[in-house]
Amino acid sequence: MKVTLKLPKPRNPLVAPARARKAGAHASYNPARKVRRTEKHKLNQALSGRKTEGSYDA
């Protein structure tokens, strides 16, 4: 009688290096981008009627 051992499924060799990496946003601090984003947000709120022209927060 032949004995067969059930082996566990092999692990994905790409998972360990991927989990070890520290991923994140590139250059997350960008003041010019923040200014553009807030102005764009204000414009979209004004155009959609959620805020009036004079109710901008400084």
N, C-alpha and C. Protein backbone atom coordinates (compact mmCIF):
# COMPACT_ATOMS: atom_id res chain seq x y z
N MET A 1 0.84 -1.18 0.00
CA MET A 1 0.00 0.00 0.00
C MET A 1 0.89 1.24 0.00
N LYS A 2 0.55 2.16 -0.88
CA LYS A 2 1.32 3.38 -1.02
C LYS A 2 0.79 4.45 -0.06
N VAL A 3 1.68 5.13 0.65
CA VAL A 3 1.29 6.17 1.59
C VAL A 3 1.47 7.53 0.91
N THR A 4 0.42 8.33 0.90
CA THR A 4 0.51 9.67 0.32
C THR A 4 0.27 10.70 1.41
N LEU A 5 1.12 11.67 1.45
CA LEU A 5 0.98 12.75 2.42
C LEU A 5 0.36 13.96 1.72
N LYS A 6 -0.63 14.53 2.36
CA LYS A 6 -1.26 15.72 1.79
C LYS A 6 -0.45 16.94 2.21
N LEU A 7 0.18 17.58 1.24
CA LEU A 7 1.00 18.76 1.52
C LEU A 7 0.15 20.02 1.42
N PRO A 8 0.46 21.02 2.24
CA PRO A 8 -0.30 22.28 2.15
C PRO A 8 -0.01 22.99 0.84
N LYS A 9 -0.92 23.85 0.46
CA LYS A 9 -0.78 24.63 -0.77
C LYS A 9 0.44 25.54 -0.63
N PRO A 10 1.30 25.63 -1.66
CA PRO A 10 2.49 26.48 -1.55
C PRO A 10 2.09 27.96 -1.45
N ARG A 11 2.88 28.70 -0.70
CA ARG A 11 2.60 30.13 -0.53
C ARG A 11 3.03 30.92 -1.75
N ASN A 12 2.36 32.02 -1.95
CA ASN A 12 2.70 32.91 -3.06
C ASN A 12 4.01 33.62 -2.70
N PRO A 13 5.06 33.45 -3.50
CA PRO A 13 6.35 34.06 -3.15
C PRO A 13 6.37 35.58 -3.31
N LEU A 14 5.37 36.16 -3.93
CA LEU A 14 5.35 37.61 -4.13
C LEU A 14 4.68 38.36 -2.98
N VAL A 15 4.00 37.64 -2.10
CA VAL A 15 3.25 38.31 -1.03
C VAL A 15 4.19 38.88 0.04
N ALA A 16 5.17 38.10 0.45
CA ALA A 16 6.06 38.55 1.53
C ALA A 16 6.79 39.85 1.18
N PRO A 17 7.41 39.99 0.00
CA PRO A 17 8.05 41.27 -0.31
C PRO A 17 7.06 42.42 -0.42
N ALA A 18 5.87 42.14 -0.93
CA ALA A 18 4.88 43.21 -1.07
C ALA A 18 4.42 43.71 0.28
N ARG A 19 4.26 42.80 1.23
CA ARG A 19 3.81 43.21 2.57
C ARG A 19 4.91 43.94 3.32
N ALA A 20 6.16 43.66 2.99
CA ALA A 20 7.28 44.30 3.68
C ALA A 20 7.51 45.73 3.22
N ARG A 21 7.03 46.08 2.03
CA ARG A 21 7.24 47.43 1.52
C ARG A 21 6.39 48.43 2.29
N LYS A 22 6.91 49.62 2.41
CA LYS A 22 6.17 50.71 3.05
C LYS A 22 5.66 51.62 1.95
N ALA A 23 4.45 51.39 1.53
CA ALA A 23 3.89 52.16 0.43
C ALA A 23 3.17 53.39 0.98
N GLY A 24 3.05 54.40 0.14
CA GLY A 24 2.34 55.60 0.55
C GLY A 24 2.33 56.62 -0.58
N ALA A 25 1.73 57.74 -0.30
CA ALA A 25 1.63 58.80 -1.30
C ALA A 25 3.01 59.42 -1.51
N HIS A 26 3.29 59.75 -2.75
CA HIS A 26 4.56 60.40 -3.07
C HIS A 26 4.43 61.89 -2.83
N ALA A 27 5.31 62.45 -2.05
CA ALA A 27 5.35 63.88 -1.75
C ALA A 27 3.98 64.38 -1.32
N SER A 28 3.48 63.83 -0.23
CA SER A 28 2.13 64.15 0.21
C SER A 28 2.00 65.61 0.65
N TYR A 29 3.10 66.25 1.05
CA TYR A 29 3.02 67.64 1.45
C TYR A 29 3.31 68.53 0.25
N ASN A 30 2.28 69.17 -0.26
CA ASN A 30 2.43 70.06 -1.41
C ASN A 30 1.47 71.23 -1.21
N PRO A 31 1.96 72.37 -0.69
CA PRO A 31 1.07 73.49 -0.39
C PRO A 31 0.34 74.05 -1.62
N ALA A 32 1.00 74.05 -2.78
CA ALA A 32 0.34 74.57 -3.98
C ALA A 32 -0.85 73.70 -4.36
N ARG A 33 -0.70 72.39 -4.22
CA ARG A 33 -1.81 71.48 -4.52
C ARG A 33 -2.96 71.69 -3.56
N LYS A 34 -2.63 71.94 -2.30
CA LYS A 34 -3.67 72.17 -1.30
C LYS A 34 -4.48 73.41 -1.61
N VAL A 35 -3.81 74.46 -2.04
CA VAL A 35 -4.50 75.71 -2.38
C VAL A 35 -5.41 75.49 -3.58
N ARG A 36 -4.88 74.82 -4.63
CA ARG A 36 -5.70 74.54 -5.82
C ARG A 36 -6.91 73.70 -5.46
N ARG A 37 -6.70 72.71 -4.59
CA ARG A 37 -7.80 71.81 -4.23
C ARG A 37 -8.89 72.55 -3.45
N THR A 38 -8.52 73.41 -2.52
CA THR A 38 -9.53 74.16 -1.75
C THR A 38 -10.29 75.12 -2.65
N GLU A 39 -9.58 75.78 -3.58
CA GLU A 39 -10.26 76.70 -4.50
C GLU A 39 -11.21 75.94 -5.41
N LYS A 40 -10.80 74.79 -5.89
CA LYS A 40 -11.67 73.97 -6.74
C LYS A 40 -12.90 73.50 -5.97
N HIS A 41 -12.69 73.13 -4.72
CA HIS A 41 -13.80 72.69 -3.88
C HIS A 41 -14.80 73.82 -3.65
N LYS A 42 -14.29 75.03 -3.38
CA LYS A 42 -15.17 76.19 -3.19
C LYS A 42 -15.96 76.50 -4.46
N LEU A 43 -15.29 76.43 -5.61
CA LEU A 43 -15.95 76.69 -6.87
C LEU A 43 -17.07 75.67 -7.13
N ASN A 44 -16.79 74.40 -6.89
CA ASN A 44 -17.81 73.37 -7.10
C ASN A 44 -19.00 73.55 -6.17
N GLN A 45 -18.74 73.96 -4.93
CA GLN A 45 -19.84 74.20 -3.99
C GLN A 45 -20.67 75.40 -4.43
N ALA A 46 -20.01 76.45 -4.91
CA ALA A 46 -20.74 77.63 -5.37
C ALA A 46 -21.57 77.31 -6.61
N LEU A 47 -21.02 76.54 -7.53
CA LEU A 47 -21.74 76.20 -8.75
C LEU A 47 -22.90 75.25 -8.50
N SER A 48 -22.78 74.40 -7.51
CA SER A 48 -23.87 73.46 -7.22
C SER A 48 -24.95 74.10 -6.36
N GLY A 49 -24.71 75.31 -5.84
CA GLY A 49 -25.70 76.01 -5.05
C GLY A 49 -25.67 75.68 -3.58
N ARG A 50 -24.66 74.94 -3.14
CA ARG A 50 -24.58 74.60 -1.72
C ARG A 50 -24.10 75.77 -0.88
N LYS A 51 -23.31 76.64 -1.48
CA LYS A 51 -22.83 77.82 -0.76
C LYS A 51 -23.04 79.03 -1.64
N THR A 52 -23.26 80.16 -1.00
CA THR A 52 -23.42 81.40 -1.76
C THR A 52 -22.05 82.05 -1.94
N GLU A 53 -21.99 83.10 -2.73
CA GLU A 53 -20.72 83.76 -3.05
C GLU A 53 -20.04 84.33 -1.81
N GLY A 54 -20.79 84.88 -0.89
CA GLY A 54 -20.18 85.54 0.27
C GLY A 54 -19.94 84.65 1.46
N SER A 55 -20.30 83.38 1.41
CA SER A 55 -20.17 82.52 2.58
C SER A 55 -18.92 81.64 2.54
N TYR A 56 -17.87 82.09 1.86
CA TYR A 56 -16.64 81.32 1.82
C TYR A 56 -15.95 81.36 3.17
N ASP A 57 -15.36 80.24 3.55
CA ASP A 57 -14.57 80.20 4.77
C ASP A 57 -13.14 80.51 4.39
N ALA A 58 -12.51 81.38 5.17
CA ALA A 58 -11.15 81.78 4.85
C ALA A 58 -10.13 80.80 5.33
